[in-house]
C-alpha atoms as a PDB file:
ATOM      1  CA  MET A   1     -21.685   0.270  12.751  1.00  0.00           C
ATOM      2  CA  THR A   2     -18.782  -2.091  12.086  1.00  0.00           C
ATOM      3  CA  HIS A   3     -17.326  -2.029   8.584  1.00  0.00           C
ATOM      4  CA  ARG A   4     -15.108  -4.608   6.925  1.00  0.00           C
ATOM      5  CA  LEU A   5     -11.380  -4.063   6.810  1.00  0.00           C
ATOM      6  CA  LEU A   6     -10.564  -3.145   3.245  1.00  0.00           C
ATOM      7  CA  LEU A   7      -7.629  -5.460   2.696  1.00  0.00           C
ATOM      8  CA  ASP A   8      -6.770  -8.492   4.792  1.00  0.00           C
ATOM      9  CA  ARG A   9      -3.657 -10.558   4.124  1.00  0.00           C
ATOM     10  CA  ARG A  10      -5.386 -13.123   1.921  1.00  0.00           C
ATOM     11  CA  ARG A  11      -6.971 -10.453  -0.253  1.00  0.00           C
ATOM     12  CA  LEU A  12      -3.574  -8.778  -0.523  1.00  0.00           C
ATOM     13  CA  LEU A  13      -2.011 -11.957  -1.877  1.00  0.00           C
ATOM     14  CA  LEU A  14      -4.857 -12.996  -4.149  1.00  0.00           C
ATOM     15  CA  GLY A  15      -5.804  -9.559  -5.473  1.00  0.00           C
ATOM     16  CA  ALA A  16      -8.703  -7.237  -4.761  1.00  0.00           C
ATOM     17  CA  GLY A  17     -11.322  -9.860  -5.656  1.00  0.00           C
ATOM     18  CA  PRO A  18     -13.001 -12.387  -3.315  1.00  0.00           C
ATOM     19  CA  VAL A  19     -10.889 -15.026  -1.598  1.00  0.00           C
ATOM     20  CA  ALA A  20     -11.112 -18.283  -3.530  1.00  0.00           C
ATOM     21  CA  ALA A  21      -8.880 -20.455  -1.349  1.00  0.00           C
ATOM     22  CA  ALA A  22      -6.932 -20.339   1.884  1.00  0.00           C
ATOM     23  CA  VAL A  23      -3.367 -19.110   1.627  1.00  0.00           C
ATOM     24  CA  ALA A  24      -0.986 -21.856   2.614  1.00  0.00           C
ATOM     25  CA  VAL A  25       1.331 -19.486   4.423  1.00  0.00           C
ATOM     26  CA  ALA A  26      -1.364 -17.844   6.537  1.00  0.00           C
ATOM     27  CA  GLY A  27       0.122 -19.330   9.683  1.00  0.00           C
ATOM     28  CA  LEU A  28       3.596 -17.944   9.054  1.00  0.00           C
ATOM     29  CA  ALA A  29       3.058 -14.733  10.992  1.00  0.00           C
ATOM     30  CA  ALA A  30       6.039 -12.393  10.945  1.00  0.00           C
ATOM     31  CA  ARG A  31       5.615  -9.542  13.385  1.00  0.00           C
ATOM     32  CA  ALA A  32       7.710  -6.400  13.231  1.00  0.00           C
ATOM     33  CA  THR A  33      10.529  -6.121  15.718  1.00  0.00           C
ATOM     34  CA  VAL A  34      10.799  -3.242  18.177  1.00  0.00           C
ATOM     35  CA  ALA A  35      13.648  -1.828  16.091  1.00  0.00           C
ATOM     36  CA  GLU A  36      11.548  -1.973  12.908  1.00  0.00           C
ATOM     37  CA  ALA A  37       8.628  -0.220  14.592  1.00  0.00           C
ATOM     38  CA  ALA A  38      10.964   2.478  15.893  1.00  0.00           C
ATOM     39  CA  SER A  39      12.375   2.929  12.388  1.00  0.00           C
ATOM     40  CA  ALA A  40       8.871   3.395  10.988  1.00  0.00           C
ATOM     41  CA  ALA A  41       8.115   6.066  13.582  1.00  0.00           C
ATOM     42  CA  SER A  42      11.395   7.942  13.052  1.00  0.00           C
ATOM     43  CA  TYR A  43      11.255   8.336   9.263  1.00  0.00           C
ATOM     44  CA  ALA A  44      10.830  11.966   8.182  1.00  0.00           C
ATOM     45  CA  PRO A  45       8.916  12.346   4.870  1.00  0.00           C
ATOM     46  CA  THR A  46      10.426  14.491   2.143  1.00  0.00           C
ATOM     47  CA  PHE A  47       7.378  14.922  -0.122  1.00  0.00           C
ATOM     48  CA  PHE A  48       4.327  14.697   2.104  1.00  0.00           C
ATOM     49  CA  THR A  49       3.450  17.513   4.478  1.00  0.00           C
ATOM     50  CA  SER A  50       2.732  16.612   8.102  1.00  0.00           C
ATOM     51  CA  VAL A  51      -1.029  16.597   7.426  1.00  0.00           C
ATOM     52  CA  GLU A  52      -0.617  14.466   4.309  1.00  0.00           C
ATOM     53  CA  TRP A  53       1.747  12.124   6.123  1.00  0.00           C
ATOM     54  CA  SER A  54      -0.836  11.610   8.870  1.00  0.00           C
ATOM     55  CA  PHE A  55      -3.428  10.722   6.234  1.00  0.00           C
ATOM     56  CA  VAL A  56      -1.161   8.271   4.394  1.00  0.00           C
ATOM     57  CA  THR A  57      -0.037   6.592   7.611  1.00  0.00           C
ATOM     58  CA  ALA A  58      -3.596   6.262   8.924  1.00  0.00           C
ATOM     59  CA  ALA A  59      -4.937   4.980   5.595  1.00  0.00           C
ATOM     60  CA  VAL A  60      -2.156   2.414   5.188  1.00  0.00           C
ATOM     61  CA  GLY A  61      -2.839   1.278   8.737  1.00  0.00           C
ATOM     62  CA  ARG A  62      -6.417   0.456   7.734  1.00  0.00           C
ATOM     63  CA  LEU A  63      -5.699  -1.013   4.294  1.00  0.00           C
ATOM     64  CA  ILE A  64      -3.210  -3.475   5.801  1.00  0.00           C
ATOM     65  CA  PRO A  65      -3.940  -3.473   9.546  1.00  0.00           C
ATOM     66  CA  SER A  66      -1.450  -4.571  12.172  1.00  0.00           C
ATOM     67  CA  GLU A  67      -3.830  -7.161  13.574  1.00  0.00           C
ATOM     68  CA  GLY A  68      -3.798 -10.604  11.968  1.00  0.00           C
ATOM     69  CA  ALA A  69      -1.132 -12.768  10.354  1.00  0.00           C
ATOM     70  CA  GLY A  70       1.812 -11.129   8.677  1.00  0.00           C
ATOM     71  CA  PRO A  71       3.257  -7.652   9.198  1.00  0.00           C
ATOM     72  CA  GLY A  72       0.977  -4.627   9.164  1.00  0.00           C
ATOM     73  CA  GLY A  73       1.418  -1.938   6.540  1.00  0.00           C
ATOM     74  CA  ILE A  74       2.888   0.632   8.910  1.00  0.00           C
ATOM     75  CA  GLU A  75       5.353  -1.832  10.428  1.00  0.00           C
ATOM     76  CA  ALA A  76       6.336  -2.915   6.915  1.00  0.00           C
ATOM     77  CA  GLY A  77       7.304   0.671   6.056  1.00  0.00           C
ATOM     78  CA  ILE A  78       4.714   1.289   3.333  1.00  0.00           C
ATOM     79  CA  PRO A  79       4.305   5.024   4.113  1.00  0.00           C
ATOM     80  CA  GLU A  80       8.059   5.474   3.708  1.00  0.00           C
ATOM     81  CA  PHE A  81       7.971   3.545   0.439  1.00  0.00           C
ATOM     82  CA  ILE A  82       5.224   5.802  -0.949  1.00  0.00           C
ATOM     83  CA  ASP A  83       6.978   8.991   0.135  1.00  0.00           C
ATOM     84  CA  ARG A  84      10.212   7.896  -1.532  1.00  0.00           C
ATOM     85  CA  GLN A  85       8.377   7.023  -4.751  1.00  0.00           C
ATOM     86  CA  MET A  86       7.004  10.547  -4.976  1.00  0.00           C
ATOM     87  CA  GLU A  87      10.538  11.913  -5.347  1.00  0.00           C
ATOM     88  CA  LEU A  88      11.415   9.464  -8.138  1.00  0.00           C
ATOM     89  CA  PRO A  89      10.439   9.686 -11.848  1.00  0.00           C
ATOM     90  CA  TYR A  90       7.324   7.622 -11.114  1.00  0.00           C
ATOM     91  CA  GLY A  91       6.004  10.255  -8.738  1.00  0.00           C
ATOM     92  CA  HIS A  92       6.590  12.985 -11.303  1.00  0.00           C
ATOM     93  CA  GLY A  93       4.588  11.125 -13.956  1.00  0.00           C
ATOM     94  CA  ALA A  94       7.538  10.017 -16.093  1.00  0.00           C
ATOM     95  CA  TYR A  95       5.745   6.773 -16.977  1.00  0.00           C
ATOM     96  CA  PHE A  96       2.297   8.307 -17.598  1.00  0.00           C
ATOM     97  CA  TYR A  97       0.870   9.764 -20.789  1.00  0.00           C
ATOM     98  CA  LEU A  98      -0.301  13.198 -19.668  1.00  0.00           C
ATOM     99  CA  SER A  99      -0.818  15.127 -22.907  1.00  0.00           C
ATOM    100  CA  GLY A 100      -4.454  14.221 -23.597  1.00  0.00           C
ATOM    101  CA  PRO A 101      -7.046  14.156 -24.932  1.00  0.00           C
ATOM    102  CA  PHE A 102      -8.573  12.362 -21.957  1.00  0.00           C
ATOM    103  CA  LEU A 103     -11.844  10.456 -22.260  1.00  0.00           C
ATOM    104  CA  SER A 104     -14.102   9.909 -19.273  1.00  0.00           C
ATOM    105  CA  GLY A 105     -16.009   6.672 -18.833  1.00  0.00           C
ATOM    106  CA  THR A 106     -13.503   4.597 -20.775  1.00  0.00           C
ATOM    107  CA  PRO A 107     -12.856   0.943 -19.867  1.00  0.00           C
ATOM    108  CA  PRO A 108      -9.739   0.177 -17.770  1.00  0.00           C
ATOM    109  CA  GLU A 109      -7.962  -1.537 -20.668  1.00  0.00           C
ATOM    110  CA  LEU A 110      -7.660   1.825 -22.422  1.00  0.00           C
ATOM    111  CA  GLY A 111      -5.361   3.035 -19.690  1.00  0.00           C
ATOM    112  CA  TYR A 112      -5.084   6.023 -17.403  1.00  0.00           C
ATOM    113  CA  GLN A 113      -7.309   8.914 -18.505  1.00  0.00           C
ATOM    114  CA  LEU A 114      -6.367  11.818 -16.234  1.00  0.00           C
ATOM    115  CA  ARG A 115      -3.744  14.564 -16.409  1.00  0.00           C
ATOM    116  CA  PHE A 116      -2.505  14.135 -12.833  1.00  0.00           C
ATOM    117  CA  THR A 117       0.857  12.730 -11.790  1.00  0.00           C
ATOM    118  CA  SER A 118       1.041  10.475  -8.742  1.00  0.00           C
ATOM    119  CA  ARG A 119       2.254  13.428  -6.687  1.00  0.00           C
ATOM    120  CA  GLU A 120      -0.752  15.471  -7.762  1.00  0.00           C
ATOM    121  CA  ILE A 121      -3.177  12.637  -7.082  1.00  0.00           C
ATOM    122  CA  TYR A 122      -1.944  12.447  -3.513  1.00  0.00           C
ATOM    123  CA  ARG A 123      -1.661  16.198  -2.935  1.00  0.00           C
ATOM    124  CA  LEU A 124      -5.077  17.061  -4.345  1.00  0.00           C
ATOM    125  CA  GLY A 125      -6.764  13.861  -3.215  1.00  0.00           C
ATOM    126  CA  ILE A 126      -5.663  14.009   0.398  1.00  0.00           C
ATOM    127  CA  ALA A 127      -6.752  17.629   0.662  1.00  0.00           C
ATOM    128  CA  ALA A 128     -10.161  16.742  -0.793  1.00  0.00           C
ATOM    129  CA  ALA A 129     -10.492  13.727   1.499  1.00  0.00           C
ATOM    130  CA  ASN A 130      -9.794  15.807   4.580  1.00  0.00           C
ATOM    131  CA  VAL A 131     -12.343  18.403   3.471  1.00  0.00           C
ATOM    132  CA  ALA A 132     -14.942  15.659   3.033  1.00  0.00           C
ATOM    133  CA  ALA A 133     -14.104  14.149   6.436  1.00  0.00           C
ATOM    134  CA  GLN A 134     -14.385  17.570   8.056  1.00  0.00           C
ATOM    135  CA  GLN A 135     -17.769  18.133   6.446  1.00  0.00           C
ATOM    136  CA  GLN A 136     -19.044  14.720   7.495  1.00  0.00           C
ATOM    137  CA  GLN A 137     -17.642  14.392  11.000  1.00  0.00           C
ATOM    138  CA  GLY A 138     -15.829  17.591  11.893  1.00  0.00           C
ATOM    139  CA  LYS A 139     -12.377  15.958  11.823  1.00  0.00           C
ATOM    140  CA  VAL A 140      -9.659  15.225   9.298  1.00  0.00           C
ATOM    141  CA  PHE A 141      -9.339  11.596   8.225  1.00  0.00           C
ATOM    142  CA  ALA A 142      -6.419  10.743  10.523  1.00  0.00           C
ATOM    143  CA  ALA A 143      -8.391  11.925  13.570  1.00  0.00           C
ATOM    144  CA  LEU A 144     -11.414   9.703  12.867  1.00  0.00           C
ATOM    145  CA  ALA A 145     -12.133   6.560  14.851  1.00  0.00           C
ATOM    146  CA  ILE A 146     -10.883   3.364  13.220  1.00  0.00           C
ATOM    147  CA  ALA A 147     -14.366   2.196  12.199  1.00  0.00           C
ATOM    148  CA  ASP A 148     -15.045   5.602  10.664  1.00  0.00           C
ATOM    149  CA  GLN A 149     -11.765   5.487   8.752  1.00  0.00           C
ATOM    150  CA  ASP A 150     -12.712   2.082   7.346  1.00  0.00           C
ATOM    151  CA  HIS A 151     -16.103   3.379   6.274  1.00  0.00           C
ATOM    152  CA  PHE A 152     -14.607   6.512   4.721  1.00  0.00           C
ATOM    153  CA  LEU A 153     -12.145   4.464   2.673  1.00  0.00           C
ATOM    154  CA  GLU A 154     -14.999   2.245   1.492  1.00  0.00           C
ATOM    155  CA  LEU A 155     -16.876   5.323   0.313  1.00  0.00           C
ATOM    156  CA  MET A 156     -13.769   6.447  -1.577  1.00  0.00           C
ATOM    157  CA  GLU A 157     -13.325   3.025  -3.152  1.00  0.00           C
ATOM    158  CA  LYS A 158     -16.950   2.925  -4.337  1.00  0.00           C
ATOM    159  CA  GLU A 159     -16.897   6.526  -5.608  1.00  0.00           C
ATOM    160  CA  GLU A 160     -19.617   7.440  -3.109  1.00  0.00           C
ATOM    161  CA  LEU A 161     -17.706  10.576  -2.152  1.00  0.00           C
ATOM    162  CA  GLN A 162     -17.430  13.443  -4.601  1.00  0.00           C
ATOM    163  CA  PHE A 163     -14.065  15.217  -4.609  1.00  0.00           C
ATOM    164  CA  ALA A 164     -13.719  18.542  -6.415  1.00  0.00           C
ATOM    165  CA  SER A 165     -10.319  17.683  -7.905  1.00  0.00           C
ATOM    166  CA  VAL A 166      -9.322  14.029  -8.383  1.00  0.00           C
ATOM    167  CA  PRO A 167     -12.055  11.342  -8.280  1.00  0.00           C
ATOM    168  CA  ALA A 168     -12.161   9.629  -4.886  1.00  0.00           C
ATOM    169  CA  SER A 169     -11.871   6.171  -6.438  1.00  0.00           C
ATOM    170  CA  VAL A 170      -8.690   7.232  -8.263  1.00  0.00           C
ATOM    171  CA  VAL A 171      -7.123   8.416  -5.005  1.00  0.00           C
ATOM    172  CA  PHE A 172      -8.098   5.149  -3.331  1.00  0.00           C
ATOM    173  CA  ALA A 173      -6.750   3.043  -6.193  1.00  0.00           C
ATOM    174  CA  GLN A 174      -3.465   4.972  -6.163  1.00  0.00           C
ATOM    175  CA  LEU A 175      -3.040   4.403  -2.447  1.00  0.00           C
ATOM    176  CA  LEU A 176      -4.028   0.736  -2.586  1.00  0.00           C
ATOM    177  CA  GLY A 177      -1.746   0.016  -5.535  1.00  0.00           C
ATOM    178  CA  ASN A 178       1.227   1.708  -3.900  1.00  0.00           C
ATOM    179  CA  ALA A 179       0.492  -0.098  -0.625  1.00  0.00           C
ATOM    180  CA  LYS A 180       0.672  -3.472  -2.353  1.00  0.00           C
ATOM    181  CA  GLU A 181       3.888  -2.499  -4.134  1.00  0.00           C
ATOM    182  CA  GLY A 182       5.523  -1.268  -0.944  1.00  0.00           C
ATOM    183  CA  TYR A 183       4.475  -4.339   0.997  1.00  0.00           C
ATOM    184  CA  PHE A 184       6.290  -6.758  -1.310  1.00  0.00           C
ATOM    185  CA  ALA A 185       9.029  -4.593  -2.866  1.00  0.00           C
ATOM    186  CA  ASP A 186      12.686  -5.069  -2.061  1.00  0.00           C
ATOM    187  CA  PRO A 187      13.573  -3.235   1.194  1.00  0.00           C
ATOM    188  CA  LEU A 188      15.908  -1.063  -0.891  1.00  0.00           C
ATOM    189  CA  TYR A 189      12.851   1.061  -1.729  1.00  0.00           C
ATOM    190  CA  GLY A 190      11.780   1.664   1.851  1.00  0.00           C
ATOM    191  CA  GLY A 191       8.964  -0.864   2.232  1.00  0.00           C
ATOM    192  CA  ASN A 192       8.925  -4.535   3.232  1.00  0.00           C
ATOM    193  CA  ARG A 193      11.042  -3.546   6.207  1.00  0.00           C
ATOM    194  CA  GLY A 194      13.242  -6.396   7.408  1.00  0.00           C
ATOM    195  CA  MET A 195      11.902  -8.495   4.509  1.00  0.00           C
ATOM    196  CA  ALA A 196       8.969  -9.250   6.801  1.00  0.00           C
ATOM    197  CA  ALA A 197       6.437  -9.706   3.980  1.00  0.00           C
ATOM    198  CA  TRP A 198       8.809 -12.034   2.106  1.00  0.00           C
ATOM    199  CA  LYS A 199       9.388 -14.085   5.246  1.00  0.00           C
ATOM    200  CA  TRP A 200       5.660 -14.337   5.801  1.00  0.00           C
ATOM    201  CA  ILE A 201       4.890 -15.757   2.336  1.00  0.00           C
ATOM    202  CA  GLY A 202       8.117 -17.748   2.019  1.00  0.00           C
ATOM    203  CA  PHE A 203       9.487 -15.738  -0.924  1.00  0.00           C
ATOM    204  CA  PRO A 204      13.269 -16.198  -1.393  1.00  0.00           C
ATOM    205  CA  GLY A 205      13.899 -12.669  -2.663  1.00  0.00           C
ATOM    206  CA  ALA A 206      16.924 -11.928  -4.815  1.00  0.00           C
ATOM    207  CA  ARG A 207      18.744 -15.241  -4.461  1.00  0.00           C
ATOM    208  CA  ALA A 208      20.802 -15.819  -7.592  1.00  0.00           C
ATOM    209  CA  ASP A 209      20.492 -19.588  -7.987  1.00  0.00           C
ATOM    210  CA  PHE A 210      17.378 -21.762  -7.707  1.00  0.00           C
ATOM    211  CA  THR A 211      18.408 -24.571 -10.059  1.00  0.00           C
ATOM    212  CA  ASP A 212      18.651 -27.170  -7.292  1.00  0.00           C
ATOM    213  CA  TRP A 213      14.957 -26.666  -6.571  1.00  0.00           C
ATOM    214  CA  ILE A 214      13.472 -26.549 -10.075  1.00  0.00           C
ATOM    215  CA  ASP A 215      12.525 -30.257 -10.072  1.00  0.00           C
ATOM    216  CA  GLN A 216      11.544 -30.506  -6.420  1.00  0.00           C
ATOM    217  CA  ALA A 217       7.831 -29.767  -6.755  1.00  0.00           C
ATOM    218  CA  GLY A 218       6.023 -29.590  -3.439  1.00  0.00           C
ATOM    219  CA  GLN A 219       9.195 -29.382  -1.366  1.00  0.00           C
ATOM    220  CA  LYS A 220       9.454 -26.517   1.074  1.00  0.00           C
ATOM    221  CA  TYR A 221      12.241 -24.095   0.215  1.00  0.00           C
ATOM    222  CA  PRO A 222      14.501 -24.156   3.304  1.00  0.00           C
ATOM    223  CA  TYR A 223      16.306 -20.825   3.029  1.00  0.00           C
ATOM    224  CA  GLY A 224      15.271 -17.336   4.087  1.00  0.00           C
ATOM    225  CA  PRO A 225      15.034 -14.365   1.717  1.00  0.00           C
ATOM    226  CA  VAL A 226      17.902 -12.274   0.387  1.00  0.00           C
ATOM    227  CA  ALA A 227      17.540  -8.589  -0.469  1.00  0.00           C
ATOM    228  CA  ILE A 228      19.165  -6.812  -3.416  1.00  0.00           C
ATOM    229  CA  SER A 229      21.623  -5.279  -0.938  1.00  0.00           C
ATOM    230  CA  GLY A 230      22.747  -8.775   0.077  1.00  0.00           C
ATOM    231  CA  ALA A 231      20.987  -8.647   3.461  1.00  0.00           C
ATOM    232  CA  ARG A 232      19.757 -12.058   4.538  1.00  0.00           C
ATOM    233  CA  ASP A 233      17.126 -13.382   6.878  1.00  0.00           C
END
């Protein structure tokens, strides 16, 4: 059975909901260079174990696949971005309220209702996901066929898998949210390698002055992106 890819480029730009209109920049494909691909393969994670790293890399590769317009998630350095975030205050839950009480079944607008930090969501969630994959197909997630990985992620997204620790949908949402952030963040944080995602959508990055273009509605911006570090296209 063939299952849909969970996040194509248009869905990434427009949000998780259905595509309402074509993205004007869909033809501006920006493929990773050989050097960028080599950099992605050579990064050594500091938080994730080798098994967890295999899961994150495989899952990112299915959430934002390499095929199609724009850079794929692995080429863009998203796994590196996520690993780095886990060692920062965000990963340790510095921006979460973790003291309780926590209420189940509450609407999203009431905020996060679990006691887990991002690090714990990944550590517990990946372990639970691999247990579920082993029970279903006798292999950990990263060893599954691509179509089976897609289907497994769909089951996580829809809460059709029951994890003993962190809810499967929470693990999926954490991964998807971090993937989006890493795809479009400044390269300083490890993702958006070579500003490939910015180039693809025509985003100018951290340029300091746009005043000459404020009143030029509909005109194509002619300059490439600039990173916080000063790196330019």
